[in-house]
Amino acid sequence: MIGAAAVFCAAGSARADSTWNNRFSYDHHSQDLFAAQEFSLDLFGTYGKNKAKFNDTFDRSARDGDFGGGVGANYFLTRNFGLGVDTFAQSGDNAFIHGASGSLILRLPVDSCHMAPYILGGGGRTFEGSDAWNLHAGVGLEFRLNPHTGIFVEGRHTFHIDKGTDYAQFRAGVRFGF
């Protein structure tokens, strides 16, 4: 994934003057903020906490969680339906990569307020500790500055299928569209 990001950055360097100069400016006149056939790269921070079961996700104790970060890539086939892959690392892990996953994403863009709430679900593998297959489900909200840059927050719960402890994870980051 990091290699793919490097290739996209290198390929886009010829267009850097026009694309990157306006990447972080707020465009309040934009009409098509969330497009079909859109590829995006995510850079995010994480906070995760192991849970014995799903009901424990909503308890008030946030102690003993782990911070980390990750990268992801998304491709939206239509304006509302997309596919995503991501990987992340967390503090306190023995493995370099904590987990990797793939997701189906359904978003409902509201261009007039530059936002798109979304739901996601999918599966993946945890490489730290239990080294187990898992399923996840979550919700998120993205705010677009312009058609090429967004800020997102997301919460997901991961259910281990065969062994291991479930965990809740919160993510916040920047999304770059191409």
N, C-alpha and C. Protein backbone atom coordinates (compact mmCIF):
# COMPACT_ATOMS: atom_id res chain seq x y z
N MET A 1 0.82 -1.18 0.00
CA MET A 1 0.00 0.00 0.00
C MET A 1 0.87 1.25 0.00
N ILE A 2 1.95 1.21 0.77
CA ILE A 2 2.86 2.35 0.82
C ILE A 2 3.52 2.53 -0.55
N GLY A 3 3.87 1.41 -1.20
CA GLY A 3 4.45 1.47 -2.54
C GLY A 3 3.48 2.09 -3.54
N ALA A 4 2.20 1.72 -3.43
CA ALA A 4 1.19 2.30 -4.33
C ALA A 4 1.06 3.80 -4.09
N ALA A 5 1.11 4.21 -2.83
CA ALA A 5 1.03 5.64 -2.51
C ALA A 5 2.22 6.38 -3.11
N ALA A 6 3.40 5.78 -3.04
CA ALA A 6 4.60 6.41 -3.62
C ALA A 6 4.47 6.55 -5.13
N VAL A 7 3.92 5.53 -5.79
CA VAL A 7 3.73 5.60 -7.24
C VAL A 7 2.74 6.71 -7.60
N PHE A 8 1.63 6.82 -6.85
CA PHE A 8 0.66 7.87 -7.14
C PHE A 8 1.26 9.25 -6.91
N CYS A 9 2.04 9.39 -5.87
CA CYS A 9 2.68 10.69 -5.61
C CYS A 9 3.68 11.03 -6.70
N ALA A 10 4.47 10.06 -7.12
CA ALA A 10 5.46 10.30 -8.18
C ALA A 10 4.78 10.61 -9.50
N ALA A 11 3.72 9.89 -9.82
CA ALA A 11 3.00 10.13 -11.07
C ALA A 11 2.32 11.49 -11.06
N GLY A 12 1.88 11.91 -9.88
CA GLY A 12 1.20 13.19 -9.79
C GLY A 12 2.13 14.38 -9.66
N SER A 13 3.44 14.15 -9.54
CA SER A 13 4.36 15.26 -9.34
C SER A 13 4.39 16.20 -10.55
N ALA A 14 4.09 15.68 -11.72
CA ALA A 14 4.05 16.54 -12.91
C ALA A 14 2.90 17.53 -12.83
N ARG A 15 1.82 17.13 -12.14
CA ARG A 15 0.67 18.01 -11.99
C ARG A 15 0.68 18.72 -10.64
N ALA A 16 1.76 18.67 -9.92
CA ALA A 16 1.81 19.16 -8.54
C ALA A 16 1.46 20.63 -8.42
N ASP A 17 1.87 21.45 -9.37
CA ASP A 17 1.60 22.88 -9.26
C ASP A 17 0.11 23.16 -9.20
N SER A 18 -0.68 22.52 -10.07
CA SER A 18 -2.11 22.80 -10.10
C SER A 18 -2.87 22.04 -9.03
N THR A 19 -2.47 20.80 -8.71
CA THR A 19 -3.22 19.98 -7.78
C THR A 19 -2.90 20.30 -6.33
N TRP A 20 -1.65 20.32 -5.94
CA TRP A 20 -1.28 20.45 -4.53
C TRP A 20 -1.40 21.87 -4.01
N ASN A 21 -1.30 22.89 -4.85
CA ASN A 21 -1.43 24.26 -4.36
C ASN A 21 -2.81 24.53 -3.79
N ASN A 22 -3.85 23.92 -4.36
CA ASN A 22 -5.22 24.16 -3.90
C ASN A 22 -5.75 23.03 -3.03
N ARG A 23 -4.92 22.08 -2.69
CA ARG A 23 -5.36 20.88 -1.96
C ARG A 23 -5.95 21.22 -0.60
N PHE A 24 -5.44 22.22 0.12
CA PHE A 24 -5.89 22.49 1.47
C PHE A 24 -6.75 23.75 1.58
N SER A 25 -7.21 24.27 0.47
CA SER A 25 -8.09 25.43 0.52
C SER A 25 -9.55 24.99 0.54
N TYR A 26 -10.36 25.75 1.22
CA TYR A 26 -11.79 25.45 1.31
C TYR A 26 -12.49 26.02 0.09
N ASP A 27 -13.19 25.17 -0.63
CA ASP A 27 -13.90 25.57 -1.84
C ASP A 27 -15.40 25.52 -1.56
N HIS A 28 -16.00 26.67 -1.20
CA HIS A 28 -17.41 26.67 -0.83
C HIS A 28 -18.35 26.68 -2.03
N HIS A 29 -17.83 26.78 -3.25
CA HIS A 29 -18.67 26.79 -4.44
C HIS A 29 -18.73 25.44 -5.15
N SER A 30 -18.00 24.48 -4.69
CA SER A 30 -17.92 23.18 -5.35
C SER A 30 -19.25 22.47 -5.34
N GLN A 31 -19.61 21.87 -6.47
CA GLN A 31 -20.86 21.13 -6.59
C GLN A 31 -20.64 19.62 -6.51
N ASP A 32 -19.55 19.12 -7.08
CA ASP A 32 -19.29 17.69 -7.14
C ASP A 32 -18.15 17.30 -6.20
N LEU A 33 -18.43 17.29 -4.92
CA LEU A 33 -17.39 16.98 -3.94
C LEU A 33 -17.14 15.48 -3.81
N PHE A 34 -18.15 14.67 -3.98
CA PHE A 34 -18.07 13.22 -3.82
C PHE A 34 -18.45 12.58 -5.16
N ALA A 35 -17.45 12.13 -5.89
CA ALA A 35 -17.68 11.66 -7.26
C ALA A 35 -17.65 10.14 -7.36
N ALA A 36 -18.22 9.65 -8.46
CA ALA A 36 -18.09 8.24 -8.81
C ALA A 36 -16.69 8.02 -9.39
N GLN A 37 -16.21 6.80 -9.37
CA GLN A 37 -14.87 6.43 -9.84
C GLN A 37 -13.79 7.30 -9.20
N GLU A 38 -13.93 7.47 -7.90
CA GLU A 38 -13.00 8.28 -7.12
C GLU A 38 -12.05 7.38 -6.35
N PHE A 39 -10.76 7.63 -6.49
CA PHE A 39 -9.75 6.92 -5.71
C PHE A 39 -9.25 7.87 -4.63
N SER A 40 -9.07 7.36 -3.41
CA SER A 40 -8.56 8.21 -2.34
C SER A 40 -7.57 7.43 -1.47
N LEU A 41 -6.67 8.18 -0.86
CA LEU A 41 -5.66 7.65 0.05
C LEU A 41 -5.91 8.24 1.43
N ASP A 42 -5.98 7.39 2.45
CA ASP A 42 -6.23 7.83 3.83
C ASP A 42 -4.95 7.74 4.66
N LEU A 43 -4.72 8.75 5.48
CA LEU A 43 -3.68 8.75 6.50
C LEU A 43 -4.40 9.06 7.82
N PHE A 44 -4.27 8.18 8.82
CA PHE A 44 -5.08 8.36 10.01
C PHE A 44 -4.36 7.94 11.28
N GLY A 45 -4.84 8.51 12.38
CA GLY A 45 -4.42 8.10 13.71
C GLY A 45 -5.50 7.20 14.30
N THR A 46 -5.12 6.32 15.23
CA THR A 46 -6.08 5.39 15.82
C THR A 46 -6.01 5.40 17.34
N TYR A 47 -7.11 5.05 17.95
CA TYR A 47 -7.16 4.71 19.36
C TYR A 47 -8.00 3.45 19.45
N GLY A 48 -7.44 2.38 20.01
CA GLY A 48 -8.16 1.12 20.10
C GLY A 48 -8.11 0.55 21.49
N LYS A 49 -9.15 -0.20 21.82
CA LYS A 49 -9.23 -0.82 23.13
C LYS A 49 -9.84 -2.20 22.98
N ASN A 50 -9.16 -3.21 23.55
CA ASN A 50 -9.69 -4.57 23.53
C ASN A 50 -10.96 -4.65 24.37
N LYS A 51 -11.92 -5.43 23.89
CA LYS A 51 -13.19 -5.62 24.58
C LYS A 51 -13.49 -7.11 24.63
N ALA A 52 -14.06 -7.57 25.72
CA ALA A 52 -14.43 -8.97 25.82
C ALA A 52 -15.62 -9.30 24.94
N LYS A 53 -16.53 -8.33 24.77
CA LYS A 53 -17.72 -8.53 23.94
C LYS A 53 -18.21 -7.17 23.45
N PHE A 54 -19.13 -7.18 22.48
CA PHE A 54 -19.60 -5.95 21.85
C PHE A 54 -20.21 -4.98 22.86
N ASN A 55 -20.97 -5.47 23.82
CA ASN A 55 -21.62 -4.58 24.81
C ASN A 55 -20.61 -3.77 25.61
N ASP A 56 -19.39 -4.26 25.73
CA ASP A 56 -18.35 -3.53 26.47
C ASP A 56 -17.84 -2.30 25.71
N THR A 57 -18.17 -2.18 24.43
CA THR A 57 -17.72 -1.04 23.63
C THR A 57 -18.22 0.28 24.22
N PHE A 58 -19.39 0.26 24.81
CA PHE A 58 -20.01 1.49 25.27
C PHE A 58 -19.82 1.77 26.75
N ASP A 59 -18.92 1.04 27.41
CA ASP A 59 -18.64 1.37 28.79
C ASP A 59 -17.86 2.68 28.85
N ARG A 60 -17.74 3.26 30.01
CA ARG A 60 -17.15 4.60 30.12
C ARG A 60 -15.64 4.59 30.31
N SER A 61 -15.05 3.45 30.52
CA SER A 61 -13.61 3.40 30.76
C SER A 61 -12.84 3.40 29.45
N ALA A 62 -12.00 4.39 29.27
CA ALA A 62 -11.17 4.46 28.07
C ALA A 62 -9.70 4.20 28.39
N ARG A 63 -9.43 3.78 29.62
CA ARG A 63 -8.05 3.51 30.03
C ARG A 63 -7.55 2.23 29.38
N ASP A 64 -6.26 2.10 29.35
CA ASP A 64 -5.59 0.90 28.84
C ASP A 64 -5.77 0.70 27.34
N GLY A 65 -6.09 1.73 26.62
CA GLY A 65 -6.18 1.65 25.17
C GLY A 65 -4.82 1.91 24.54
N ASP A 66 -4.75 1.71 23.25
CA ASP A 66 -3.50 1.91 22.51
C ASP A 66 -3.70 2.91 21.38
N PHE A 67 -2.69 3.77 21.19
CA PHE A 67 -2.70 4.72 20.10
C PHE A 67 -1.88 4.16 18.94
N GLY A 68 -2.15 4.63 17.75
CA GLY A 68 -1.39 4.17 16.60
C GLY A 68 -1.71 4.99 15.37
N GLY A 69 -1.43 4.43 14.23
CA GLY A 69 -1.69 5.11 12.97
C GLY A 69 -1.75 4.11 11.83
N GLY A 70 -2.25 4.58 10.70
CA GLY A 70 -2.35 3.68 9.56
C GLY A 70 -2.56 4.39 8.25
N VAL A 71 -2.66 3.58 7.21
CA VAL A 71 -2.91 4.07 5.86
C VAL A 71 -4.01 3.23 5.24
N GLY A 72 -4.72 3.82 4.30
CA GLY A 72 -5.78 3.10 3.61
C GLY A 72 -5.98 3.65 2.22
N ALA A 73 -6.68 2.90 1.42
CA ALA A 73 -7.03 3.31 0.06
C ALA A 73 -8.49 2.94 -0.19
N ASN A 74 -9.20 3.82 -0.88
CA ASN A 74 -10.61 3.59 -1.19
C ASN A 74 -10.85 3.84 -2.67
N TYR A 75 -11.81 3.11 -3.21
CA TYR A 75 -12.24 3.37 -4.58
C TYR A 75 -13.76 3.31 -4.61
N PHE A 76 -14.38 4.41 -5.03
CA PHE A 76 -15.83 4.47 -5.10
C PHE A 76 -16.27 4.20 -6.53
N LEU A 77 -16.96 3.07 -6.71
CA LEU A 77 -17.48 2.68 -8.02
C LEU A 77 -18.58 3.63 -8.46
N THR A 78 -19.45 3.99 -7.52
CA THR A 78 -20.50 4.98 -7.75
C THR A 78 -20.32 6.08 -6.71
N ARG A 79 -21.14 7.06 -6.76
CA ARG A 79 -21.09 8.16 -5.79
C ARG A 79 -21.34 7.66 -4.37
N ASN A 80 -22.11 6.58 -4.24
CA ASN A 80 -22.50 6.09 -2.92
C ASN A 80 -21.86 4.79 -2.48
N PHE A 81 -21.31 3.99 -3.38
CA PHE A 81 -20.80 2.67 -3.02
C PHE A 81 -19.32 2.53 -3.36
N GLY A 82 -18.53 2.10 -2.36
CA GLY A 82 -17.10 1.96 -2.57
C GLY A 82 -16.50 0.77 -1.85
N LEU A 83 -15.23 0.55 -2.16
CA LEU A 83 -14.43 -0.52 -1.56
C LEU A 83 -13.22 0.13 -0.90
N GLY A 84 -12.80 -0.42 0.22
CA GLY A 84 -11.64 0.13 0.91
C GLY A 84 -10.74 -0.95 1.48
N VAL A 85 -9.46 -0.65 1.57
CA VAL A 85 -8.48 -1.50 2.25
C VAL A 85 -7.67 -0.61 3.17
N ASP A 86 -7.24 -1.17 4.30
CA ASP A 86 -6.42 -0.39 5.22
C ASP A 86 -5.55 -1.31 6.05
N THR A 87 -4.53 -0.73 6.62
CA THR A 87 -3.65 -1.42 7.55
C THR A 87 -3.21 -0.41 8.62
N PHE A 88 -2.93 -0.91 9.82
CA PHE A 88 -2.56 0.01 10.90
C PHE A 88 -1.63 -0.67 11.89
N ALA A 89 -0.94 0.15 12.65
CA ALA A 89 -0.06 -0.30 13.73
C ALA A 89 -0.51 0.40 15.01
N GLN A 90 -0.28 -0.24 16.14
CA GLN A 90 -0.64 0.36 17.43
C GLN A 90 0.50 0.21 18.42
N SER A 91 0.57 1.15 19.35
CA SER A 91 1.58 1.07 20.41
C SER A 91 1.33 -0.17 21.25
N GLY A 92 2.39 -0.71 21.79
CA GLY A 92 2.26 -1.88 22.65
C GLY A 92 2.21 -3.20 21.91
N ASP A 93 2.23 -3.18 20.58
CA ASP A 93 2.19 -4.41 19.79
C ASP A 93 3.59 -4.97 19.59
N ASN A 94 3.67 -6.26 19.50
CA ASN A 94 4.93 -6.91 19.15
C ASN A 94 5.11 -6.97 17.64
N ALA A 95 4.00 -6.97 16.91
CA ALA A 95 4.05 -7.02 15.45
C ALA A 95 4.13 -5.60 14.89
N PHE A 96 4.83 -5.44 13.75
CA PHE A 96 4.93 -4.13 13.11
C PHE A 96 3.56 -3.66 12.63
N ILE A 97 2.79 -4.56 12.04
CA ILE A 97 1.43 -4.25 11.57
C ILE A 97 0.45 -5.00 12.47
N HIS A 98 -0.46 -4.26 13.08
CA HIS A 98 -1.45 -4.87 13.97
C HIS A 98 -2.49 -5.64 13.17
N GLY A 99 -2.97 -5.03 12.08
CA GLY A 99 -4.02 -5.68 11.31
C GLY A 99 -4.19 -5.06 9.94
N ALA A 100 -4.89 -5.79 9.08
CA ALA A 100 -5.23 -5.32 7.74
C ALA A 100 -6.67 -5.75 7.47
N SER A 101 -7.39 -4.93 6.71
CA SER A 101 -8.79 -5.26 6.45
C SER A 101 -9.27 -4.70 5.12
N GLY A 102 -10.36 -5.26 4.67
CA GLY A 102 -11.06 -4.79 3.48
C GLY A 102 -12.49 -4.47 3.86
N SER A 103 -13.07 -3.44 3.24
CA SER A 103 -14.41 -2.99 3.62
C SER A 103 -15.27 -2.67 2.40
N LEU A 104 -16.57 -2.87 2.57
CA LEU A 104 -17.57 -2.33 1.67
C LEU A 104 -18.08 -1.07 2.34
N ILE A 105 -18.21 0.02 1.58
CA ILE A 105 -18.56 1.32 2.15
C ILE A 105 -19.80 1.86 1.46
N LEU A 106 -20.76 2.31 2.23
CA LEU A 106 -21.95 2.97 1.71
C LEU A 106 -21.98 4.38 2.30
N ARG A 107 -21.87 5.39 1.43
CA ARG A 107 -21.88 6.78 1.92
C ARG A 107 -23.08 7.51 1.34
N LEU A 108 -23.52 8.51 2.06
CA LEU A 108 -24.66 9.33 1.65
C LEU A 108 -24.23 10.80 1.63
N PRO A 109 -23.60 11.24 0.53
CA PRO A 109 -23.06 12.61 0.46
C PRO A 109 -24.14 13.69 0.49
N VAL A 110 -23.84 14.77 1.18
CA VAL A 110 -24.67 15.97 1.18
C VAL A 110 -23.74 17.11 0.77
N ASP A 111 -23.67 17.38 -0.54
CA ASP A 111 -22.73 18.36 -1.06
C ASP A 111 -22.94 19.75 -0.50
N SER A 112 -24.17 20.12 -0.20
CA SER A 112 -24.45 21.48 0.26
C SER A 112 -23.75 21.78 1.59
N CYS A 113 -23.50 20.77 2.42
CA CYS A 113 -22.79 21.03 3.68
C CYS A 113 -21.42 20.35 3.70
N HIS A 114 -20.94 19.87 2.52
CA HIS A 114 -19.60 19.29 2.38
C HIS A 114 -19.38 18.03 3.23
N MET A 115 -20.44 17.32 3.57
CA MET A 115 -20.30 16.15 4.45
C MET A 115 -20.88 14.90 3.82
N ALA A 116 -20.34 13.77 4.27
CA ALA A 116 -20.86 12.47 3.84
C ALA A 116 -20.79 11.49 5.00
N PRO A 117 -21.91 11.20 5.63
CA PRO A 117 -21.91 10.12 6.61
C PRO A 117 -21.80 8.79 5.86
N TYR A 118 -21.19 7.79 6.50
CA TYR A 118 -21.06 6.49 5.84
C TYR A 118 -21.07 5.36 6.85
N ILE A 119 -21.40 4.18 6.34
CA ILE A 119 -21.30 2.95 7.12
C ILE A 119 -20.36 2.02 6.36
N LEU A 120 -19.72 1.13 7.10
CA LEU A 120 -18.80 0.20 6.47
C LEU A 120 -18.85 -1.14 7.18
N GLY A 121 -18.45 -2.15 6.47
CA GLY A 121 -18.36 -3.48 7.04
C GLY A 121 -17.43 -4.32 6.20
N GLY A 122 -16.80 -5.30 6.82
CA GLY A 122 -15.88 -6.13 6.06
C GLY A 122 -15.17 -7.12 6.95
N GLY A 123 -14.02 -7.54 6.48
CA GLY A 123 -13.24 -8.53 7.20
C GLY A 123 -11.76 -8.27 7.07
N GLY A 124 -10.99 -8.99 7.86
CA GLY A 124 -9.55 -8.81 7.81
C GLY A 124 -8.83 -9.80 8.69
N ARG A 125 -7.61 -9.46 9.01
CA ARG A 125 -6.76 -10.34 9.81
C ARG A 125 -5.98 -9.50 10.81
N THR A 126 -5.91 -9.99 12.04
CA THR A 126 -5.10 -9.38 13.08
C THR A 126 -3.80 -10.16 13.16
N PHE A 127 -2.67 -9.46 13.15
CA PHE A 127 -1.37 -10.11 13.17
C PHE A 127 -0.70 -10.09 14.53
N GLU A 128 -1.24 -9.34 15.47
CA GLU A 128 -0.63 -9.20 16.79
C GLU A 128 -1.33 -10.15 17.76
N GLY A 129 -0.56 -10.84 18.54
CA GLY A 129 -1.14 -11.69 19.58
C GLY A 129 -1.82 -12.92 19.04
N SER A 130 -3.13 -12.82 18.83
CA SER A 130 -3.92 -14.00 18.47
C SER A 130 -3.77 -14.41 17.02
N ASP A 131 -3.33 -13.54 16.13
CA ASP A 131 -3.18 -13.84 14.71
C ASP A 131 -4.43 -14.51 14.17
N ALA A 132 -5.54 -13.78 14.15
CA ALA A 132 -6.84 -14.36 13.86
C ALA A 132 -7.60 -13.58 12.78
N TRP A 133 -8.53 -14.28 12.13
CA TRP A 133 -9.44 -13.64 11.18
C TRP A 133 -10.53 -12.90 11.96
N ASN A 134 -11.05 -11.81 11.35
CA ASN A 134 -12.06 -11.03 12.04
C ASN A 134 -13.04 -10.40 11.05
N LEU A 135 -14.14 -9.92 11.59
CA LEU A 135 -15.14 -9.13 10.86
C LEU A 135 -15.25 -7.79 11.57
N HIS A 136 -15.63 -6.74 10.83
CA HIS A 136 -15.80 -5.43 11.47
C HIS A 136 -17.00 -4.71 10.87
N ALA A 137 -17.53 -3.78 11.66
CA ALA A 137 -18.62 -2.90 11.24
C ALA A 137 -18.38 -1.55 11.88
N GLY A 138 -18.76 -0.48 11.17
CA GLY A 138 -18.52 0.84 11.72
C GLY A 138 -19.30 1.94 11.02
N VAL A 139 -19.16 3.13 11.56
CA VAL A 139 -19.78 4.33 11.01
C VAL A 139 -18.73 5.44 10.96
N GLY A 140 -18.93 6.39 10.06
CA GLY A 140 -17.99 7.50 9.96
C GLY A 140 -18.64 8.73 9.37
N LEU A 141 -17.89 9.81 9.40
CA LEU A 141 -18.34 11.08 8.83
C LEU A 141 -17.13 11.75 8.19
N GLU A 142 -17.29 12.16 6.94
CA GLU A 142 -16.22 12.86 6.23
C GLU A 142 -16.67 14.27 5.90
N PHE A 143 -15.77 15.22 6.12
CA PHE A 143 -15.99 16.61 5.74
C PHE A 143 -15.00 16.95 4.64
N ARG A 144 -15.49 17.42 3.49
CA ARG A 144 -14.63 17.75 2.36
C ARG A 144 -14.35 19.24 2.30
N LEU A 145 -13.07 19.59 2.26
CA LEU A 145 -12.67 20.98 2.05
C LEU A 145 -12.90 21.36 0.60
N ASN A 146 -12.60 20.43 -0.29
CA ASN A 146 -12.74 20.61 -1.74
C ASN A 146 -12.85 19.20 -2.34
N PRO A 147 -12.97 19.06 -3.65
CA PRO A 147 -13.13 17.72 -4.22
C PRO A 147 -11.95 16.78 -4.00
N HIS A 148 -10.80 17.29 -3.56
CA HIS A 148 -9.60 16.47 -3.44
C HIS A 148 -9.11 16.23 -2.02
N THR A 149 -9.69 16.90 -1.01
CA THR A 149 -9.20 16.77 0.36
C THR A 149 -10.36 16.71 1.34
N GLY A 150 -10.30 15.73 2.23
CA GLY A 150 -11.32 15.57 3.25
C GLY A 150 -10.71 15.24 4.61
N ILE A 151 -11.49 15.46 5.64
CA ILE A 151 -11.12 15.11 7.01
C ILE A 151 -12.19 14.14 7.48
N PHE A 152 -11.79 13.04 8.12
CA PHE A 152 -12.79 12.06 8.54
C PHE A 152 -12.57 11.59 9.97
N VAL A 153 -13.67 11.15 10.58
CA VAL A 153 -13.66 10.46 11.87
C VAL A 153 -14.49 9.20 11.69
N GLU A 154 -14.08 8.16 12.42
CA GLU A 154 -14.72 6.86 12.21
C GLU A 154 -14.62 6.03 13.47
N GLY A 155 -15.63 5.25 13.73
CA GLY A 155 -15.60 4.28 14.82
C GLY A 155 -15.98 2.92 14.26
N ARG A 156 -15.27 1.89 14.70
CA ARG A 156 -15.60 0.54 14.24
C ARG A 156 -15.38 -0.45 15.37
N HIS A 157 -16.10 -1.54 15.27
CA HIS A 157 -15.94 -2.63 16.22
C HIS A 157 -15.50 -3.86 15.44
N THR A 158 -14.48 -4.54 15.94
CA THR A 158 -13.94 -5.72 15.27
C THR A 158 -14.27 -6.95 16.11
N PHE A 159 -14.87 -7.93 15.43
CA PHE A 159 -15.28 -9.18 16.06
C PHE A 159 -14.34 -10.29 15.58
N HIS A 160 -13.63 -10.93 16.49
CA HIS A 160 -12.76 -12.05 16.10
C HIS A 160 -13.60 -13.29 15.84
N ILE A 161 -13.32 -13.98 14.75
CA ILE A 161 -14.10 -15.14 14.35
C ILE A 161 -13.67 -16.39 15.10
N ASP A 162 -12.38 -16.69 15.08
CA ASP A 162 -11.93 -17.96 15.62
C ASP A 162 -11.30 -17.88 17.00
N LYS A 163 -10.51 -16.87 17.27
CA LYS A 163 -9.88 -16.73 18.59
C LYS A 163 -9.48 -15.27 18.77
N GLY A 164 -9.17 -14.89 19.97
CA GLY A 164 -8.75 -13.52 20.22
C GLY A 164 -9.84 -12.70 20.86
N THR A 165 -9.49 -11.48 21.19
CA THR A 165 -10.40 -10.56 21.86
C THR A 165 -10.91 -9.52 20.88
N ASP A 166 -12.20 -9.25 20.92
CA ASP A 166 -12.77 -8.19 20.09
C ASP A 166 -12.18 -6.85 20.52
N TYR A 167 -12.25 -5.86 19.63
CA TYR A 167 -11.78 -4.54 20.01
C TYR A 167 -12.56 -3.45 19.30
N ALA A 168 -12.62 -2.30 19.95
CA ALA A 168 -13.24 -1.10 19.40
C ALA A 168 -12.11 -0.18 18.96
N GLN A 169 -12.31 0.51 17.86
CA GLN A 169 -11.27 1.40 17.37
C GLN A 169 -11.89 2.69 16.85
N PHE A 170 -11.24 3.80 17.16
CA PHE A 170 -11.65 5.11 16.67
C PHE A 170 -10.52 5.64 15.81
N ARG A 171 -10.89 6.23 14.67
CA ARG A 171 -9.90 6.74 13.72
C ARG A 171 -10.25 8.18 13.35
N ALA A 172 -9.22 8.95 13.11
CA ALA A 172 -9.38 10.30 12.60
C ALA A 172 -8.21 10.58 11.67
N GLY A 173 -8.50 11.22 10.54
CA GLY A 173 -7.42 11.46 9.62
C GLY A 173 -7.80 12.33 8.44
N VAL A 174 -6.91 12.30 7.46
CA VAL A 174 -7.04 13.10 6.25
C VAL A 174 -7.20 12.15 5.06
N ARG A 175 -8.08 12.52 4.14
CA ARG A 175 -8.34 11.72 2.94
C ARG A 175 -8.01 12.56 1.71
N PHE A 176 -7.10 12.04 0.88
CA PHE A 176 -6.69 12.72 -0.34
C PHE A 176 -7.29 12.00 -1.55
N GLY A 177 -8.10 12.71 -2.31
CA GLY A 177 -8.73 12.13 -3.50
C GLY A 177 -7.91 12.40 -4.75
N PHE A 178 -7.96 11.46 -5.66
CA PHE A 178 -7.24 11.57 -6.94
C PHE A 178 -8.16 11.30 -8.10
